[in-house]
Amino acid sequence: MQIKSKLNHQIDLALKEKYQQVYDLVSVYQEPPSNKNGSNNSNNDSNSDNNHNNDDDIVQLVQENQRALTRMRVQLPAKRELLNKLITRFVKITLEVLDTVWAIIREFKCDDEEKKNASFDAYYCALTDSLLLRIKILHISTLLSTYDSDLVSALQSLRTILENRYLDARTQLSFAEKKIQAYQDMGPEFETLADAYFKLLEDIKATEDDIRRIKNN
């Protein structure tokens, strides 16, 4: 309502300005009264007719402008309403376009990419599992082809031999410990016995390692 009142006030000011311009124009074309007689009377009559015609034209022009302004004043609310409808439609279409673009982006970037990534993950997991199974099968095949019955019998015989050597080494170690205990005050001869003792310990450790490896296999 305030906008309509303001608009009417602006139109009234424009009409007053036009009226003032017409008044000024009429004042310019009006001739001052003359007191001449004789031949001047005919000139005055003709000038009076011309001025009268000019006044009629100006009045007609003012009336036409007034009618045009009236039509504009009447059409202005309808045009404003039409403009509001067009702006509302434009905003609505813009929002629909944005919603459509966002739906396309979401479907392409989120849904399709997620499905594609899930497919790739499943594929690579299956490929990894397949490779692990093939490696295990290869390992078992290698063991089966390497450890045949003859090799197993030979390894068992070797283990028996090594265990006997270990028992002998423990016996010798026990004997050597007793000797060391008896000769630890003999001076240089004790160093010779100590070297022999440590060498025997190394042989025993090597034999234990061999037996441990055979048991693990």
Protein backbone atom coordinates (compact mmCIF):
# COMPACT_ATOMS: atom_id res chain seq x y z
CA MET A 1 0.00 0.00 0.00
CA GLN A 2 2.86 2.41 0.76
CA ILE A 3 4.47 1.61 -2.59
CA LYS A 4 1.19 2.37 -4.39
CA SER A 5 0.81 5.73 -2.58
CA LYS A 6 4.40 6.64 -3.35
CA LEU A 7 3.91 5.76 -6.99
CA ASN A 8 0.73 7.87 -7.22
CA HIS A 9 2.57 10.79 -5.62
CA GLN A 10 5.36 10.51 -8.18
CA ILE A 11 2.82 10.46 -11.03
CA ASP A 12 1.09 13.56 -9.63
CA LEU A 13 4.41 15.38 -9.46
CA ALA A 14 5.12 14.41 -13.07
CA LEU A 15 1.71 15.74 -14.15
CA LYS A 16 2.28 19.04 -12.34
CA GLU A 17 5.65 19.39 -14.02
CA LYS A 18 4.06 18.78 -17.43
CA TYR A 19 1.32 21.31 -16.69
CA GLN A 20 3.96 23.89 -15.75
CA GLN A 21 5.85 23.24 -18.98
CA VAL A 22 2.64 23.70 -20.98
CA TYR A 23 1.86 26.92 -19.14
CA ASP A 24 5.33 28.27 -19.86
CA LEU A 25 4.96 27.31 -23.51
CA VAL A 26 1.58 29.05 -23.74
CA SER A 27 3.03 32.16 -22.11
CA VAL A 28 5.76 32.31 -24.74
CA TYR A 29 3.34 32.10 -27.64
CA GLN A 30 0.86 34.63 -26.23
CA GLU A 31 1.16 38.17 -27.72
CA PRO A 32 0.73 41.25 -25.45
CA PRO A 33 -2.44 43.36 -26.12
CA SER A 34 -2.00 46.16 -28.73
CA ASN A 35 -3.71 49.63 -29.02
CA LYS A 36 -3.00 50.14 -32.75
CA ASN A 37 -5.93 50.94 -35.08
CA GLY A 38 -6.51 50.71 -38.82
CA SER A 39 -4.47 48.06 -40.62
CA ASN A 40 -3.15 46.67 -37.35
CA ASN A 41 -6.64 45.45 -36.44
CA SER A 42 -6.63 42.90 -39.26
CA ASN A 43 -3.19 41.66 -38.17
CA ASN A 44 -4.38 41.37 -34.63
CA ASP A 45 -7.36 39.32 -35.75
CA SER A 46 -5.18 36.92 -37.73
CA ASN A 47 -2.71 36.61 -34.85
CA SER A 48 -5.59 36.00 -32.50
CA ASP A 49 -6.82 33.14 -34.70
CA ASN A 50 -3.33 31.61 -34.86
CA ASN A 51 -2.92 31.88 -31.12
CA HIS A 52 -6.30 30.31 -30.64
CA ASN A 53 -5.35 27.40 -32.89
CA ASN A 54 -2.05 26.98 -31.05
CA ASP A 55 -3.86 26.99 -27.75
CA ASP A 56 -6.23 24.31 -29.01
CA ASP A 57 -3.29 22.16 -30.14
CA ILE A 58 -1.54 22.56 -26.81
CA VAL A 59 -4.70 21.72 -24.90
CA GLN A 60 -5.21 18.65 -27.07
CA LEU A 61 -1.60 17.58 -26.52
CA VAL A 62 -1.97 18.03 -22.78
CA GLN A 63 -5.16 16.00 -22.79
CA GLU A 64 -3.52 13.22 -24.77
CA ASN A 65 -0.58 13.16 -22.36
CA GLN A 66 -2.98 13.12 -19.45
CA ARG A 67 -4.90 10.19 -20.97
CA ALA A 68 -1.60 8.36 -21.61
CA LEU A 69 -0.51 8.91 -18.02
CA THR A 70 -3.89 7.70 -16.81
CA ARG A 71 -3.57 4.54 -18.92
CA MET A 72 -0.06 4.02 -17.56
CA ARG A 73 -1.33 4.49 -14.01
CA VAL A 74 -4.08 1.91 -14.63
CA GLN A 75 -1.74 -0.56 -16.35
CA LEU A 76 1.08 -0.19 -13.83
CA PRO A 77 -0.34 -2.59 -11.15
CA ALA A 78 -1.04 -5.22 -13.81
CA LYS A 79 2.47 -4.85 -15.22
CA ARG A 80 3.94 -5.00 -11.72
CA GLU A 81 1.97 -8.19 -11.03
CA LEU A 82 3.12 -9.68 -14.33
CA LEU A 83 6.72 -8.78 -13.50
CA ASN A 84 6.40 -10.43 -10.08
CA LYS A 85 5.02 -13.57 -11.73
CA LEU A 86 7.87 -13.64 -14.23
CA ILE A 87 10.47 -13.19 -11.48
CA THR A 88 8.83 -15.92 -9.38
CA ARG A 89 8.79 -18.25 -12.37
CA PHE A 90 12.42 -17.47 -13.14
CA VAL A 91 13.49 -18.19 -9.55
CA LYS A 92 11.46 -21.41 -9.52
CA ILE A 93 12.99 -22.62 -12.79
CA THR A 94 16.48 -21.71 -11.53
CA LEU A 95 15.94 -23.71 -8.33
CA GLU A 96 14.64 -26.68 -10.33
CA VAL A 97 17.70 -26.54 -12.57
CA LEU A 98 20.00 -26.44 -9.53
CA ASP A 99 18.16 -29.39 -7.97
CA THR A 100 18.51 -31.36 -11.20
CA VAL A 101 22.22 -30.56 -11.49
CA TRP A 102 22.81 -31.56 -7.87
CA ALA A 103 20.91 -34.84 -8.40
CA ILE A 104 23.08 -35.62 -11.44
CA ILE A 105 26.27 -34.82 -9.54
CA ARG A 106 25.20 -36.88 -6.54
CA GLU A 107 24.23 -39.87 -8.69
CA PHE A 108 27.47 -39.75 -10.66
CA LYS A 109 29.94 -38.86 -7.91
CA CYS A 110 28.38 -40.65 -4.94
CA ASP A 111 26.28 -43.61 -6.06
CA ASP A 112 28.10 -44.68 -9.22
CA GLU A 113 31.58 -44.06 -7.80
CA GLU A 114 30.70 -45.91 -4.60
CA LYS A 115 29.37 -48.90 -6.53
CA LYS A 116 32.41 -48.88 -8.80
CA ASN A 117 34.80 -48.70 -5.85
CA ALA A 118 32.95 -51.53 -4.09
CA SER A 119 33.23 -53.66 -7.24
CA PHE A 120 36.96 -52.98 -7.49
CA ASP A 121 37.45 -53.77 -3.80
CA ALA A 122 35.63 -57.09 -4.14
CA TYR A 123 37.62 -57.94 -7.26
CA TYR A 124 41.00 -57.22 -5.67
CA CYS A 125 40.06 -59.09 -2.48
CA ALA A 126 39.09 -62.14 -4.51
CA LEU A 127 42.30 -61.85 -6.54
CA THR A 128 44.41 -61.65 -3.36
CA ASP A 129 42.67 -64.67 -1.84
CA SER A 130 43.23 -66.61 -5.05
CA LEU A 131 46.94 -65.76 -5.08
CA LEU A 132 47.32 -66.79 -1.43
CA LEU A 133 45.63 -70.13 -2.12
CA ARG A 134 47.88 -70.76 -5.11
CA ILE A 135 50.96 -70.00 -2.99
CA LYS A 136 49.80 -72.44 -0.30
CA ILE A 137 49.11 -75.11 -2.91
CA LEU A 138 52.57 -74.55 -4.40
CA HIS A 139 54.17 -74.83 -0.95
CA ILE A 140 52.36 -78.11 -0.20
CA SER A 141 53.22 -79.46 -3.65
CA THR A 142 56.88 -78.61 -3.06
CA LEU A 143 56.88 -80.37 0.30
CA LEU A 144 55.19 -83.46 -1.15
CA SER A 145 57.62 -83.65 -4.05
CA THR A 146 60.68 -83.07 -1.82
CA TYR A 147 60.01 -85.20 1.24
CA ASP A 148 59.34 -88.62 -0.28
CA SER A 149 59.50 -91.88 1.70
CA ASP A 150 63.22 -92.46 1.04
CA LEU A 151 64.14 -88.96 2.19
CA VAL A 152 62.02 -89.31 5.33
CA SER A 153 63.76 -92.61 6.20
CA ALA A 154 67.16 -91.03 5.63
CA LEU A 155 66.28 -88.07 7.85
CA GLN A 156 65.10 -90.38 10.61
CA SER A 157 68.37 -92.34 10.43
CA LEU A 158 70.33 -89.08 10.53
CA ARG A 159 68.41 -87.93 13.57
CA THR A 160 69.19 -91.21 15.35
CA ILE A 161 72.88 -90.80 14.57
CA LEU A 162 72.90 -87.20 15.77
CA GLU A 163 71.08 -88.11 18.97
CA ASN A 164 73.72 -90.80 19.67
CA ARG A 165 76.46 -88.25 19.03
CA TYR A 166 74.72 -85.86 21.39
CA LEU A 167 74.64 -88.48 24.12
CA ASP A 168 78.31 -89.25 23.58
CA ALA A 169 79.12 -85.54 23.69
CA ARG A 170 77.22 -85.12 26.95
CA THR A 171 79.17 -88.07 28.40
CA GLN A 172 82.45 -86.55 27.30
CA LEU A 173 81.38 -83.19 28.68
CA SER A 174 80.61 -84.70 32.05
CA PHE A 175 83.98 -86.42 32.06
CA ALA A 176 85.74 -83.20 31.02
CA GLU A 177 84.01 -81.23 33.76
CA LYS A 178 85.28 -83.71 36.30
CA LYS A 179 88.79 -83.42 34.87
CA ILE A 180 88.65 -79.63 34.98
CA GLN A 181 87.51 -79.76 38.54
CA ALA A 182 90.50 -81.99 39.35
CA TYR A 183 93.13 -80.05 37.38
CA GLN A 184 92.14 -76.42 37.79
CA ASP A 185 95.25 -75.82 39.95
CA MET A 186 97.68 -77.37 37.44
CA GLY A 187 98.71 -74.07 35.73
CA PRO A 188 99.44 -74.12 31.93
CA GLU A 189 98.10 -77.64 31.55
CA PHE A 190 94.72 -76.34 32.72
CA GLU A 191 94.54 -73.87 29.83
CA THR A 192 95.05 -76.74 27.38
CA LEU A 193 92.25 -78.66 28.99
CA ALA A 194 90.04 -75.54 28.99
CA ASP A 195 90.53 -75.06 25.24
CA ALA A 196 89.61 -78.68 24.66
CA TYR A 197 86.56 -78.18 26.88
CA PHE A 198 85.27 -75.13 25.00
CA LYS A 199 85.84 -76.87 21.66
CA LEU A 200 83.77 -79.75 22.91
CA LEU A 201 81.00 -77.32 23.94
CA GLU A 202 80.93 -75.86 20.43
CA ASP A 203 80.62 -79.34 18.93
CA ILE A 204 77.73 -80.11 21.27
CA LYS A 205 75.93 -76.85 20.38
CA ALA A 206 76.33 -77.53 16.65
CA THR A 207 74.92 -81.02 17.12
CA GLU A 208 71.93 -79.65 19.07
CA ASP A 209 71.20 -77.18 16.27
CA ASP A 210 71.24 -79.96 13.68
CA ILE A 211 68.88 -82.08 15.77
CA ARG A 212 66.52 -79.11 16.27
CA ARG A 213 66.35 -78.41 12.54
CA ILE A 214 65.57 -82.03 11.77
CA LYS A 215 62.77 -82.09 14.36
CA ASN A 216 61.24 -78.92 12.95
CA ASN A 217 61.20 -80.34 9.44
